[in-house]
Amino acid sequence: MKSIFWLFVALTAAGCSTVPATNVHQPMSARPAVRYDTPMANGAIFQANASRPMFEDRRARFVGDTITVTITESTSASTSSNASLDRSSTATASISGLSKVPASKLLNGVNLNASSANAFSGEGEAANKNAFSGNMTVTVIDVMPNGNLLVSGEKQVSIGREQEFVRISGIVNPSFVSAFNVIESSKIADARIEYKSSGQVADGQMMGWLARFFLTVMPF
């Protein structure tokens, strides 16, 4: 009985999970590297601990830097196919007259007709269209040897009892980042963009675990 009770508790806890699974690159945030200690102020005009180069490029290039992603995803695909087959054949044979043949009166005027026809027609059509737009800021979690940046980030929005999760990750070429530190999602390689939700509405759209079990094991 105890094992059954703990199994029920585990299944209940699994069903109460509020954070949907993700496929984006992990982790979804990273802290920048620790900076070395700078010398104390010595009264000079230049202070190493508070310097900011005038002509420094402020675009993200280190772990912990942030980049704003403009999500402009729009996909559309359609396919259509038609197939038809028609085949027919006819055969006719007749005996109109016989002479000097035994039992000719029985065979005279006998007709034989045969015909066959086959027809096949098939048609298929599929269409898919998706659109996703918005803005989100992600964090650089790794810098590759060639200088490309691996970015990842998550945004959570709670409205009432519903939680919305927007997640993005991918590889960014720094040359594609604008002067305002913004990049379009279409220029991110290996992009993984997710929009998921959790709550009563999301739970209502999901089949129960017991129904999924029976649909899995039933042979029909």
N, C-alpha and C. Protein backbone atom coordinates (compact mmCIF):
# COMPACT_ATOMS: atom_id res chain seq x y z
N MET A 1 0.81 -1.20 0.00
CA MET A 1 0.00 0.00 0.00
C MET A 1 0.86 1.26 0.00
N LYS A 2 1.98 1.22 0.71
CA LYS A 2 2.84 2.39 0.75
C LYS A 2 3.41 2.71 -0.63
N SER A 3 3.80 1.65 -1.36
CA SER A 3 4.36 1.89 -2.69
C SER A 3 3.32 2.49 -3.62
N ILE A 4 2.08 2.02 -3.52
CA ILE A 4 1.00 2.59 -4.34
C ILE A 4 0.76 4.04 -3.98
N PHE A 5 0.82 4.35 -2.67
CA PHE A 5 0.62 5.73 -2.23
C PHE A 5 1.70 6.65 -2.78
N TRP A 6 2.97 6.24 -2.66
CA TRP A 6 4.05 7.09 -3.15
C TRP A 6 4.02 7.19 -4.67
N LEU A 7 3.59 6.15 -5.37
CA LEU A 7 3.45 6.24 -6.82
C LEU A 7 2.39 7.26 -7.19
N PHE A 8 1.28 7.27 -6.44
CA PHE A 8 0.23 8.26 -6.69
C PHE A 8 0.73 9.67 -6.43
N VAL A 9 1.51 9.85 -5.36
CA VAL A 9 2.07 11.18 -5.05
C VAL A 9 3.01 11.64 -6.15
N ALA A 10 3.85 10.72 -6.67
CA ALA A 10 4.78 11.10 -7.72
C ALA A 10 4.05 11.49 -8.99
N LEU A 11 3.02 10.75 -9.36
CA LEU A 11 2.25 11.09 -10.55
C LEU A 11 1.53 12.41 -10.38
N THR A 12 1.02 12.66 -9.19
CA THR A 12 0.34 13.94 -8.94
C THR A 12 1.30 15.10 -9.02
N ALA A 13 2.51 14.93 -8.46
CA ALA A 13 3.51 16.00 -8.52
C ALA A 13 3.95 16.25 -9.94
N ALA A 14 4.09 15.18 -10.73
CA ALA A 14 4.48 15.37 -12.13
C ALA A 14 3.40 16.10 -12.90
N GLY A 15 2.13 15.83 -12.57
CA GLY A 15 1.05 16.51 -13.26
C GLY A 15 0.91 17.96 -12.87
N CYS A 16 1.47 18.35 -11.71
CA CYS A 16 1.36 19.73 -11.24
C CYS A 16 2.53 20.59 -11.69
N SER A 17 3.41 20.07 -12.52
CA SER A 17 4.54 20.85 -13.00
C SER A 17 4.05 22.05 -13.80
N THR A 18 4.58 23.25 -13.51
CA THR A 18 4.09 24.46 -14.14
C THR A 18 5.04 25.02 -15.18
N VAL A 19 6.26 24.48 -15.24
CA VAL A 19 7.24 25.00 -16.19
C VAL A 19 7.35 24.02 -17.35
N PRO A 20 6.93 24.40 -18.55
CA PRO A 20 7.01 23.47 -19.68
C PRO A 20 8.45 23.19 -20.08
N ALA A 21 8.68 22.02 -20.63
CA ALA A 21 10.02 21.63 -21.06
C ALA A 21 10.48 22.53 -22.20
N THR A 22 11.81 22.59 -22.39
CA THR A 22 12.37 23.49 -23.40
C THR A 22 13.43 22.76 -24.21
N ASN A 23 13.68 23.25 -25.42
CA ASN A 23 14.72 22.71 -26.30
C ASN A 23 15.80 23.74 -26.61
N VAL A 24 15.76 24.90 -25.98
CA VAL A 24 16.75 25.93 -26.28
C VAL A 24 18.07 25.57 -25.61
N HIS A 25 19.14 26.24 -26.07
CA HIS A 25 20.46 25.99 -25.51
C HIS A 25 20.51 26.43 -24.06
N GLN A 26 21.19 25.65 -23.27
CA GLN A 26 21.30 25.93 -21.84
C GLN A 26 22.73 26.38 -21.50
N PRO A 27 22.92 27.18 -20.46
CA PRO A 27 21.88 27.81 -19.64
C PRO A 27 21.26 28.99 -20.37
N MET A 28 20.14 29.50 -19.86
CA MET A 28 19.47 30.62 -20.51
C MET A 28 19.96 31.97 -20.02
N SER A 29 20.97 31.97 -19.17
CA SER A 29 21.60 33.20 -18.72
C SER A 29 22.99 32.86 -18.22
N ALA A 30 23.90 33.84 -18.24
CA ALA A 30 25.27 33.62 -17.78
C ALA A 30 25.81 34.90 -17.19
N ARG A 31 26.59 34.76 -16.16
CA ARG A 31 27.23 35.91 -15.55
C ARG A 31 28.54 36.21 -16.26
N PRO A 32 28.90 37.48 -16.38
CA PRO A 32 30.18 37.82 -17.01
C PRO A 32 31.35 37.38 -16.16
N ALA A 33 32.48 37.27 -16.80
CA ALA A 33 33.70 36.87 -16.07
C ALA A 33 34.08 37.92 -15.04
N VAL A 34 34.68 37.47 -13.97
CA VAL A 34 35.09 38.38 -12.90
C VAL A 34 36.22 39.28 -13.40
N ARG A 35 36.05 40.57 -13.18
CA ARG A 35 37.07 41.52 -13.61
C ARG A 35 38.20 41.60 -12.58
N TYR A 36 39.38 41.89 -13.09
CA TYR A 36 40.53 42.03 -12.21
C TYR A 36 40.41 43.32 -11.42
N ASP A 37 41.01 43.30 -10.26
CA ASP A 37 41.00 44.50 -9.41
C ASP A 37 41.77 45.61 -10.10
N THR A 38 41.17 46.79 -10.09
CA THR A 38 41.82 47.96 -10.70
C THR A 38 42.51 48.78 -9.62
N PRO A 39 43.56 49.47 -9.98
CA PRO A 39 44.28 50.27 -8.98
C PRO A 39 43.42 51.40 -8.43
N MET A 40 43.71 51.80 -7.22
CA MET A 40 42.97 52.87 -6.58
C MET A 40 43.25 54.20 -7.27
N ALA A 41 42.36 55.16 -7.08
CA ALA A 41 42.54 56.50 -7.67
C ALA A 41 43.79 57.16 -7.11
N ASN A 42 44.56 57.72 -8.03
CA ASN A 42 45.82 58.35 -7.61
C ASN A 42 45.84 59.86 -7.87
N GLY A 43 44.68 60.45 -8.17
CA GLY A 43 44.62 61.89 -8.37
C GLY A 43 44.82 62.33 -9.80
N ALA A 44 45.15 61.41 -10.71
CA ALA A 44 45.35 61.78 -12.11
C ALA A 44 44.01 61.90 -12.83
N ILE A 45 44.05 62.50 -14.04
CA ILE A 45 42.81 62.66 -14.83
C ILE A 45 42.29 61.31 -15.28
N PHE A 46 43.15 60.44 -15.73
CA PHE A 46 42.72 59.12 -16.19
C PHE A 46 42.61 58.18 -14.99
N GLN A 47 41.46 57.57 -14.86
CA GLN A 47 41.21 56.60 -13.80
C GLN A 47 40.91 55.25 -14.44
N ALA A 48 41.76 54.27 -14.20
CA ALA A 48 41.60 52.97 -14.84
C ALA A 48 40.35 52.24 -14.38
N ASN A 49 39.87 52.53 -13.18
CA ASN A 49 38.71 51.81 -12.67
C ASN A 49 37.40 52.40 -13.17
N ALA A 50 37.41 53.49 -13.87
CA ALA A 50 36.17 54.10 -14.37
C ALA A 50 36.33 54.62 -15.78
N SER A 51 37.21 54.04 -16.54
CA SER A 51 37.46 54.53 -17.90
C SER A 51 36.44 53.94 -18.87
N ARG A 52 36.11 54.71 -19.87
CA ARG A 52 35.24 54.25 -20.94
C ARG A 52 35.79 54.84 -22.24
N PRO A 53 36.38 54.01 -23.09
CA PRO A 53 36.95 54.53 -24.34
C PRO A 53 35.89 55.22 -25.18
N MET A 54 36.27 56.36 -25.77
CA MET A 54 35.32 57.17 -26.53
C MET A 54 34.85 56.46 -27.79
N PHE A 55 35.72 55.71 -28.44
CA PHE A 55 35.39 55.08 -29.71
C PHE A 55 35.22 53.56 -29.57
N GLU A 56 34.91 53.10 -28.39
CA GLU A 56 34.72 51.66 -28.20
C GLU A 56 33.40 51.21 -28.79
N ASP A 57 33.43 50.06 -29.45
CA ASP A 57 32.21 49.46 -29.99
C ASP A 57 31.45 48.80 -28.85
N ARG A 58 30.23 49.25 -28.60
CA ARG A 58 29.46 48.75 -27.46
C ARG A 58 28.64 47.52 -27.79
N ARG A 59 28.82 46.96 -28.99
CA ARG A 59 28.06 45.76 -29.32
C ARG A 59 28.53 44.56 -28.50
N ALA A 60 27.62 43.63 -28.26
CA ALA A 60 27.93 42.47 -27.42
C ALA A 60 29.01 41.62 -28.07
N ARG A 61 29.96 41.18 -27.24
CA ARG A 61 31.01 40.29 -27.73
C ARG A 61 31.61 39.44 -26.63
N PHE A 62 31.15 39.60 -25.39
CA PHE A 62 31.67 38.80 -24.28
C PHE A 62 30.53 38.06 -23.61
N VAL A 63 30.91 37.03 -22.85
CA VAL A 63 29.93 36.29 -22.07
C VAL A 63 29.30 37.22 -21.03
N GLY A 64 27.99 37.20 -20.96
CA GLY A 64 27.26 38.08 -20.05
C GLY A 64 26.70 39.31 -20.72
N ASP A 65 27.19 39.65 -21.92
CA ASP A 65 26.61 40.79 -22.65
C ASP A 65 25.21 40.42 -23.15
N THR A 66 24.42 41.44 -23.44
CA THR A 66 23.04 41.22 -23.87
C THR A 66 22.84 41.73 -25.30
N ILE A 67 21.93 41.09 -25.99
CA ILE A 67 21.56 41.46 -27.37
C ILE A 67 20.05 41.43 -27.46
N THR A 68 19.48 42.43 -28.08
CA THR A 68 18.04 42.48 -28.30
C THR A 68 17.71 41.80 -29.62
N VAL A 69 16.81 40.84 -29.56
CA VAL A 69 16.40 40.08 -30.74
C VAL A 69 15.02 40.56 -31.18
N THR A 70 14.92 40.90 -32.45
CA THR A 70 13.63 41.24 -33.04
C THR A 70 13.07 40.00 -33.72
N ILE A 71 12.01 39.46 -33.15
CA ILE A 71 11.43 38.22 -33.68
C ILE A 71 10.53 38.58 -34.87
N THR A 72 10.93 38.11 -36.03
CA THR A 72 10.16 38.35 -37.26
C THR A 72 10.05 37.03 -38.01
N GLU A 73 9.42 36.07 -37.38
CA GLU A 73 9.29 34.75 -37.99
C GLU A 73 7.95 34.63 -38.71
N SER A 74 8.03 34.25 -39.97
CA SER A 74 6.82 34.03 -40.77
C SER A 74 7.12 32.93 -41.76
N THR A 75 6.44 31.82 -41.61
CA THR A 75 6.65 30.67 -42.50
C THR A 75 5.33 30.28 -43.14
N SER A 76 5.43 29.86 -44.36
CA SER A 76 4.25 29.41 -45.10
C SER A 76 4.67 28.31 -46.06
N ALA A 77 3.95 27.22 -46.03
CA ALA A 77 4.26 26.08 -46.90
C ALA A 77 2.96 25.43 -47.34
N SER A 78 2.93 24.97 -48.56
CA SER A 78 1.74 24.30 -49.08
C SER A 78 2.16 23.28 -50.13
N THR A 79 1.39 22.25 -50.23
CA THR A 79 1.63 21.22 -51.22
C THR A 79 0.30 20.67 -51.69
N SER A 80 0.28 20.27 -52.96
CA SER A 80 -0.95 19.75 -53.55
C SER A 80 -0.58 18.69 -54.58
N SER A 81 -1.31 17.62 -54.62
CA SER A 81 -1.04 16.55 -55.57
C SER A 81 -2.36 15.96 -56.05
N ASN A 82 -2.37 15.57 -57.32
CA ASN A 82 -3.54 14.94 -57.94
C ASN A 82 -3.07 13.73 -58.74
N ALA A 83 -3.85 12.69 -58.71
CA ALA A 83 -3.55 11.50 -59.48
C ALA A 83 -4.85 10.87 -59.96
N SER A 84 -4.86 10.43 -61.19
CA SER A 84 -6.05 9.78 -61.74
C SER A 84 -5.62 8.69 -62.70
N LEU A 85 -6.38 7.62 -62.75
CA LEU A 85 -6.10 6.48 -63.62
C LEU A 85 -7.42 5.95 -64.14
N ASP A 86 -7.47 5.76 -65.42
CA ASP A 86 -8.69 5.26 -66.05
C ASP A 86 -8.30 4.24 -67.11
N ARG A 87 -8.89 3.05 -67.03
CA ARG A 87 -8.58 1.99 -67.96
C ARG A 87 -9.85 1.22 -68.27
N SER A 88 -10.08 0.96 -69.54
CA SER A 88 -11.28 0.22 -69.94
C SER A 88 -10.94 -0.67 -71.13
N SER A 89 -11.62 -1.78 -71.24
CA SER A 89 -11.43 -2.71 -72.35
C SER A 89 -12.76 -3.38 -72.67
N THR A 90 -12.94 -3.70 -73.95
CA THR A 90 -14.18 -4.32 -74.42
C THR A 90 -13.84 -5.41 -75.42
N ALA A 91 -14.52 -6.51 -75.32
CA ALA A 91 -14.35 -7.64 -76.26
C ALA A 91 -15.71 -8.13 -76.70
N THR A 92 -15.88 -8.37 -77.98
CA THR A 92 -17.15 -8.83 -78.55
C THR A 92 -16.88 -9.98 -79.51
N ALA A 93 -17.63 -11.01 -79.41
CA ALA A 93 -17.52 -12.16 -80.32
C ALA A 93 -18.92 -12.64 -80.64
N SER A 94 -19.13 -12.98 -81.88
CA SER A 94 -20.46 -13.44 -82.29
C SER A 94 -20.32 -14.52 -83.37
N ILE A 95 -21.30 -15.33 -83.40
CA ILE A 95 -21.40 -16.37 -84.43
C ILE A 95 -22.69 -16.11 -85.18
N SER A 96 -22.56 -15.65 -86.39
CA SER A 96 -23.74 -15.25 -87.17
C SER A 96 -24.31 -16.39 -88.01
N GLY A 97 -23.48 -17.24 -88.49
CA GLY A 97 -24.01 -18.31 -89.33
C GLY A 97 -23.02 -19.44 -89.47
N LEU A 98 -23.52 -20.63 -89.48
CA LEU A 98 -22.69 -21.81 -89.66
C LEU A 98 -23.34 -22.71 -90.72
N SER A 99 -22.50 -23.34 -91.44
CA SER A 99 -23.01 -24.27 -92.45
C SER A 99 -22.20 -25.55 -92.43
N LYS A 100 -22.87 -26.61 -92.58
CA LYS A 100 -22.25 -27.93 -92.65
C LYS A 100 -21.47 -28.24 -91.36
N VAL A 101 -21.97 -27.75 -90.26
CA VAL A 101 -21.37 -28.02 -88.97
C VAL A 101 -22.42 -28.68 -88.09
N PRO A 102 -22.03 -29.77 -87.44
CA PRO A 102 -23.02 -30.42 -86.58
C PRO A 102 -23.55 -29.45 -85.52
N ALA A 103 -24.79 -29.57 -85.24
CA ALA A 103 -25.45 -28.72 -84.24
C ALA A 103 -25.34 -27.26 -84.59
N SER A 104 -25.33 -26.93 -85.89
CA SER A 104 -25.21 -25.54 -86.31
C SER A 104 -26.42 -24.71 -85.92
N LYS A 105 -27.56 -25.37 -85.86
CA LYS A 105 -28.75 -24.62 -85.48
C LYS A 105 -28.67 -24.14 -84.02
N LEU A 106 -27.97 -24.88 -83.20
CA LEU A 106 -27.85 -24.47 -81.79
C LEU A 106 -26.87 -23.30 -81.61
N LEU A 107 -25.84 -23.23 -82.44
CA LEU A 107 -24.82 -22.19 -82.30
C LEU A 107 -25.10 -20.96 -83.14
N ASN A 108 -26.01 -21.06 -84.07
CA ASN A 108 -26.28 -19.94 -84.96
C ASN A 108 -26.87 -18.77 -84.18
N GLY A 109 -26.24 -17.61 -84.34
CA GLY A 109 -26.72 -16.39 -83.68
C GLY A 109 -26.23 -16.20 -82.26
N VAL A 110 -25.31 -17.03 -81.80
CA VAL A 110 -24.77 -16.87 -80.44
C VAL A 110 -23.81 -15.68 -80.40
N ASN A 111 -23.98 -14.76 -79.44
CA ASN A 111 -23.13 -13.58 -79.27
C ASN A 111 -22.45 -13.65 -77.90
N LEU A 112 -21.20 -13.16 -77.88
CA LEU A 112 -20.43 -13.11 -76.63
C LEU A 112 -19.88 -11.70 -76.44
N ASN A 113 -20.27 -11.08 -75.38
CA ASN A 113 -19.81 -9.73 -75.07
C ASN A 113 -19.11 -9.73 -73.71
N ALA A 114 -17.96 -9.02 -73.65
CA ALA A 114 -17.22 -8.89 -72.38
C ALA A 114 -16.62 -7.50 -72.30
N SER A 115 -16.66 -6.92 -71.13
CA SER A 115 -16.12 -5.57 -70.94
C SER A 115 -15.60 -5.45 -69.50
N SER A 116 -14.61 -4.60 -69.34
CA SER A 116 -14.06 -4.32 -68.01
C SER A 116 -13.63 -2.87 -67.96
N ALA A 117 -13.70 -2.29 -66.78
CA ALA A 117 -13.32 -0.89 -66.60
C ALA A 117 -12.73 -0.70 -65.22
N ASN A 118 -11.64 0.06 -65.13
CA ASN A 118 -11.00 0.41 -63.87
C ASN A 118 -10.81 1.92 -63.82
N ALA A 119 -11.11 2.47 -62.69
CA ALA A 119 -10.95 3.92 -62.52
C ALA A 119 -10.38 4.19 -61.12
N PHE A 120 -9.43 5.13 -61.07
CA PHE A 120 -8.82 5.53 -59.80
C PHE A 120 -8.60 7.03 -59.81
N SER A 121 -8.92 7.66 -58.71
CA SER A 121 -8.74 9.10 -58.60
C SER A 121 -8.28 9.41 -57.18
N GLY A 122 -7.22 10.19 -57.06
CA GLY A 122 -6.71 10.58 -55.75
C GLY A 122 -6.32 12.04 -55.73
N GLU A 123 -6.49 12.67 -54.58
CA GLU A 123 -6.18 14.09 -54.46
C GLU A 123 -5.74 14.37 -53.03
N GLY A 124 -4.67 15.14 -52.88
CA GLY A 124 -4.18 15.50 -51.56
C GLY A 124 -3.72 16.95 -51.51
N GLU A 125 -3.88 17.55 -50.36
CA GLU A 125 -3.50 18.96 -50.20
C GLU A 125 -3.15 19.22 -48.74
N ALA A 126 -2.09 19.95 -48.51
CA ALA A 126 -1.66 20.31 -47.16
C ALA A 126 -1.14 21.74 -47.16
N ALA A 127 -1.40 22.46 -46.09
CA ALA A 127 -0.96 23.85 -45.97
C ALA A 127 -0.60 24.14 -44.53
N ASN A 128 0.39 24.99 -44.35
CA ASN A 128 0.84 25.36 -43.00
C ASN A 128 1.33 26.81 -43.04
N LYS A 129 0.90 27.59 -42.07
CA LYS A 129 1.28 28.99 -42.02
C LYS A 129 1.44 29.41 -40.57
N ASN A 130 2.59 30.02 -40.25
CA ASN A 130 2.88 30.46 -38.90
C ASN A 130 3.45 31.88 -38.92
N ALA A 131 3.13 32.63 -37.90
CA ALA A 131 3.65 34.00 -37.76
C ALA A 131 3.95 34.25 -36.29
N PHE A 132 5.11 34.85 -36.03
CA PHE A 132 5.54 35.13 -34.65
C PHE A 132 6.37 36.41 -34.69
N SER A 133 5.97 37.39 -33.91
CA SER A 133 6.69 38.68 -33.90
C SER A 133 6.79 39.18 -32.48
N GLY A 134 7.81 40.01 -32.24
CA GLY A 134 8.02 40.57 -30.92
C GLY A 134 9.48 40.92 -30.71
N ASN A 135 9.82 41.42 -29.54
CA ASN A 135 11.18 41.78 -29.17
C ASN A 135 11.54 41.11 -27.85
N MET A 136 12.80 40.71 -27.75
CA MET A 136 13.28 40.06 -26.54
C MET A 136 14.78 40.20 -26.44
N THR A 137 15.29 40.37 -25.24
CA THR A 137 16.72 40.52 -25.01
C THR A 137 17.29 39.21 -24.46
N VAL A 138 18.39 38.76 -25.05
CA VAL A 138 19.02 37.51 -24.65
C VAL A 138 20.43 37.80 -24.14
N THR A 139 21.04 36.77 -23.55
CA THR A 139 22.37 36.89 -22.95
C THR A 139 23.36 36.03 -23.71
N VAL A 140 24.56 36.53 -23.88
CA VAL A 140 25.64 35.73 -24.48
C VAL A 140 26.11 34.73 -23.43
N ILE A 141 25.98 33.43 -23.75
CA ILE A 141 26.38 32.40 -22.79
C ILE A 141 27.69 31.73 -23.18
N ASP A 142 28.17 31.97 -24.40
CA ASP A 142 29.44 31.38 -24.80
C ASP A 142 29.96 32.12 -26.03
N VAL A 143 31.28 32.20 -26.13
CA VAL A 143 31.94 32.80 -27.29
C VAL A 143 32.75 31.71 -27.97
N MET A 144 32.45 31.44 -29.22
CA MET A 144 33.10 30.37 -29.95
C MET A 144 34.48 30.80 -30.46
N PRO A 145 35.34 29.84 -30.81
CA PRO A 145 36.69 30.19 -31.27
C PRO A 145 36.71 31.12 -32.48
N ASN A 146 35.71 31.05 -33.36
CA ASN A 146 35.69 31.92 -34.53
C ASN A 146 35.04 33.28 -34.26
N GLY A 147 34.65 33.52 -33.01
CA GLY A 147 34.07 34.81 -32.65
C GLY A 147 32.56 34.85 -32.62
N ASN A 148 31.89 33.82 -33.11
CA ASN A 148 30.43 33.80 -33.04
C ASN A 148 29.96 33.66 -31.61
N LEU A 149 28.76 34.15 -31.36
CA LEU A 149 28.22 34.20 -30.00
C LEU A 149 27.05 33.23 -29.87
N LEU A 150 27.07 32.44 -28.82
CA LEU A 150 25.94 31.59 -28.49
C LEU A 150 25.08 32.32 -27.48
N VAL A 151 23.85 32.63 -27.87
CA VAL A 151 22.97 33.43 -27.02
C VAL A 151 21.77 32.58 -26.61
N SER A 152 21.20 32.94 -25.49
CA SER A 152 20.02 32.25 -24.99
C SER A 152 19.30 33.17 -24.01
N GLY A 153 17.99 33.03 -23.95
CA GLY A 153 17.22 33.88 -23.03
C GLY A 153 15.80 33.40 -22.90
N GLU A 154 15.15 33.88 -21.85
CA GLU A 154 13.77 33.50 -21.55
C GLU A 154 13.03 34.70 -21.01
N LYS A 155 11.76 34.80 -21.39
CA LYS A 155 10.87 35.84 -20.84
C LYS A 155 9.62 35.16 -20.31
N GLN A 156 9.25 35.49 -19.07
CA GLN A 156 8.06 34.93 -18.45
C GLN A 156 7.07 36.06 -18.18
N VAL A 157 5.85 35.82 -18.60
CA VAL A 157 4.77 36.79 -18.39
C VAL A 157 3.62 36.06 -17.72
N SER A 158 3.19 36.56 -16.57
CA SER A 158 2.08 35.97 -15.83
C SER A 158 0.86 36.86 -15.95
N ILE A 159 -0.23 36.28 -16.40
CA ILE A 159 -1.50 36.99 -16.53
C ILE A 159 -2.55 36.16 -15.81
N GLY A 160 -2.96 36.63 -14.64
CA GLY A 160 -3.90 35.84 -13.85
C GLY A 160 -3.26 34.54 -13.43
N ARG A 161 -3.92 33.43 -13.77
CA ARG A 161 -3.40 32.10 -13.45
C ARG A 161 -2.64 31.47 -14.60
N GLU A 162 -2.43 32.22 -15.65
CA GLU A 162 -1.71 31.70 -16.81
C GLU A 162 -0.31 32.30 -16.87
N GLN A 163 0.66 31.49 -17.26
CA GLN A 163 2.04 31.92 -17.43
C GLN A 163 2.47 31.66 -18.87
N GLU A 164 3.04 32.68 -19.49
CA GLU A 164 3.54 32.59 -20.85
C GLU A 164 5.06 32.57 -20.82
N PHE A 165 5.66 31.65 -21.58
CA PHE A 165 7.10 31.51 -21.64
C PHE A 165 7.55 31.72 -23.09
N VAL A 166 8.44 32.70 -23.28
CA VAL A 166 9.04 32.95 -24.59
C VAL A 166 10.53 32.68 -24.45
N ARG A 167 11.06 31.79 -25.26
CA ARG A 167 12.46 31.39 -25.16
C ARG A 167 13.12 31.44 -26.53
N ILE A 168 14.36 31.91 -26.54
CA ILE A 168 15.13 32.03 -27.77
C ILE A 168 16.57 31.61 -27.50
N SER A 169 17.16 30.91 -28.44
CA SER A 169 18.59 30.62 -28.38
C SER A 169 19.09 30.41 -29.79
N GLY A 170 20.40 30.56 -29.98
CA GLY A 170 20.99 30.37 -31.30
C GLY A 170 22.39 30.96 -31.35
N ILE A 171 22.95 30.92 -32.54
CA ILE A 171 24.31 31.40 -32.77
C ILE A 171 24.25 32.70 -33.57
N VAL A 172 24.93 33.72 -33.08
CA VAL A 172 24.89 35.05 -33.68
C VAL A 172 26.27 35.40 -34.23
N ASN A 173 26.28 35.88 -35.45
CA ASN A 173 27.49 36.44 -36.03
C ASN A 173 27.57 37.91 -35.63
N PRO A 174 28.61 38.32 -34.91
CA PRO A 174 28.67 39.72 -34.43
C PRO A 174 28.55 40.75 -35.54
N SER A 175 28.97 40.41 -36.75
CA SER A 175 28.88 41.38 -37.85
C SER A 175 27.44 41.67 -38.24
N PHE A 176 26.50 40.81 -37.86
CA PHE A 176 25.08 41.03 -38.17
C PHE A 176 24.39 41.89 -37.12
N VAL A 177 25.05 42.14 -36.00
CA VAL A 177 24.44 42.93 -34.93
C VAL A 177 24.56 44.41 -35.29
N SER A 178 23.48 45.15 -35.17
CA SER A 178 23.47 46.55 -35.53
C SER A 178 24.20 47.38 -34.49
N ALA A 179 24.37 48.66 -34.80
CA ALA A 179 25.05 49.57 -33.88
C ALA A 179 24.27 49.76 -32.59
N PHE A 180 22.97 49.49 -32.61
CA PHE A 180 22.14 49.60 -31.42
C PHE A 180 22.03 48.27 -30.67
N ASN A 181 22.88 47.32 -31.04
CA ASN A 181 22.92 46.01 -30.37
C ASN A 181 21.62 45.23 -30.58
N VAL A 182 21.12 45.27 -31.79
CA VAL A 182 19.87 44.60 -32.14
C VAL A 182 20.13 43.69 -33.34
N ILE A 183 19.48 42.54 -33.35
CA ILE A 183 19.60 41.60 -34.46
C ILE A 183 18.24 40.97 -34.72
N GLU A 184 17.97 40.66 -35.98
CA GLU A 184 16.72 39.99 -36.34
C GLU A 184 16.85 38.49 -36.13
N SER A 185 15.74 37.87 -35.78
CA SER A 185 15.77 36.43 -35.52
C SER A 185 16.10 35.63 -36.78
N SER A 186 15.81 36.20 -37.94
CA SER A 186 16.11 35.48 -39.19
C SER A 186 17.60 35.39 -39.45
N LYS A 187 18.42 36.16 -38.74
CA LYS A 187 19.87 36.14 -38.93
C LYS A 187 20.58 35.33 -37.83
N ILE A 188 19.82 34.60 -37.04
CA ILE A 188 20.38 33.77 -35.99
C ILE A 188 20.45 32.33 -36.50
N ALA A 189 21.63 31.74 -36.46
CA ALA A 189 21.81 30.36 -36.89
C ALA A 189 21.39 29.40 -35.77
N ASP A 190 20.93 28.22 -36.19
CA ASP A 190 20.49 27.21 -35.23
C ASP A 190 19.50 27.81 -34.23
N ALA A 191 18.59 28.63 -34.75
CA ALA A 191 17.65 29.34 -33.88
C ALA A 191 16.62 28.37 -33.31
N ARG A 192 16.35 28.53 -32.06
CA ARG A 192 15.31 27.77 -31.37
C ARG A 192 14.40 28.76 -30.66
N ILE A 193 13.20 28.91 -31.17
CA ILE A 193 12.26 29.90 -30.66
C ILE A 193 11.03 29.16 -30.17
N GLU A 194 10.65 29.43 -28.94
CA GLU A 194 9.52 28.74 -28.33
C GLU A 194 8.55 29.76 -27.72
N TYR A 195 7.29 29.42 -27.82
CA TYR A 195 6.24 30.16 -27.13
C TYR A 195 5.31 29.12 -26.49
N LYS A 196 5.43 28.97 -25.17
CA LYS A 196 4.64 27.97 -24.46
C LYS A 196 3.93 28.62 -23.29
N SER A 197 2.95 27.93 -22.78
CA SER A 197 2.17 28.45 -21.66
C SER A 197 1.88 27.33 -20.68
N SER A 198 1.57 27.72 -19.48
CA SER A 198 1.16 26.78 -18.44
C SER A 198 0.05 27.42 -17.62
N GLY A 199 -0.83 26.57 -17.13
CA GLY A 199 -1.97 27.07 -16.38
C GLY A 199 -3.19 26.24 -16.69
N GLN A 200 -4.35 26.73 -16.31
CA GLN A 200 -5.58 25.98 -16.49
C GLN A 200 -5.92 25.82 -17.96
N VAL A 201 -5.72 26.86 -18.75
CA VAL A 201 -6.04 26.77 -20.17
C VAL A 201 -5.11 25.76 -20.86
N ALA A 202 -3.81 25.81 -20.54
CA ALA A 202 -2.87 24.87 -21.14
C ALA A 202 -3.15 23.45 -20.69
N ASP A 203 -3.52 23.26 -19.41
CA ASP A 203 -3.84 21.92 -18.92
C ASP A 203 -5.09 21.37 -19.58
N GLY A 204 -6.04 22.24 -19.88
CA GLY A 204 -7.26 21.78 -20.52
C GLY A 204 -7.05 21.32 -21.94
N GLN A 205 -5.97 21.75 -22.58
CA GLN A 205 -5.68 21.34 -23.95
C GLN A 205 -4.83 20.07 -24.01
N MET A 206 -4.42 19.55 -22.84
CA MET A 206 -3.56 18.38 -22.81
C MET A 206 -4.36 17.15 -22.37
N MET A 207 -4.14 16.03 -23.05
CA MET A 207 -4.81 14.79 -22.70
C MET A 207 -4.24 14.25 -21.39
N GLY A 208 -5.09 13.68 -20.58
CA GLY A 208 -4.66 13.12 -19.31
C GLY A 208 -3.70 11.96 -19.49
N TRP A 209 -2.88 11.70 -18.43
CA TRP A 209 -1.86 10.65 -18.55
C TRP A 209 -2.48 9.27 -18.67
N LEU A 210 -3.64 9.04 -18.03
CA LEU A 210 -4.26 7.73 -18.12
C LEU A 210 -4.81 7.48 -19.53
N ALA A 211 -5.41 8.52 -20.13
CA ALA A 211 -5.90 8.37 -21.50
C ALA A 211 -4.74 8.16 -22.47
N ARG A 212 -3.62 8.87 -22.26
CA ARG A 212 -2.45 8.67 -23.13
C ARG A 212 -1.91 7.25 -22.99
N PHE A 213 -1.96 6.69 -21.76
CA PHE A 213 -1.47 5.32 -21.54
C PHE A 213 -2.30 4.32 -22.33
N PHE A 214 -3.62 4.44 -22.25
CA PHE A 214 -4.46 3.48 -22.95
C PHE A 214 -4.37 3.64 -24.47
N LEU A 215 -4.21 4.88 -24.94
CA LEU A 215 -4.04 5.06 -26.38
C LEU A 215 -2.73 4.50 -26.87
N THR A 216 -1.73 4.43 -25.97
CA THR A 216 -0.43 3.89 -26.37
C THR A 216 -0.46 2.37 -26.45
N VAL A 217 -1.13 1.72 -25.51
CA VAL A 217 -1.10 0.26 -25.46
C VAL A 217 -2.22 -0.39 -26.26
N MET A 218 -3.27 0.34 -26.57
CA MET A 218 -4.36 -0.29 -27.32
C MET A 218 -3.94 -0.52 -28.76
N PRO A 219 -4.19 -1.70 -29.32
CA PRO A 219 -3.73 -2.01 -30.68
C PRO A 219 -4.61 -1.41 -31.77
N PHE A 220 -5.74 -0.83 -31.43
CA PHE A 220 -6.64 -0.29 -32.44
C PHE A 220 -6.95 1.16 -32.17
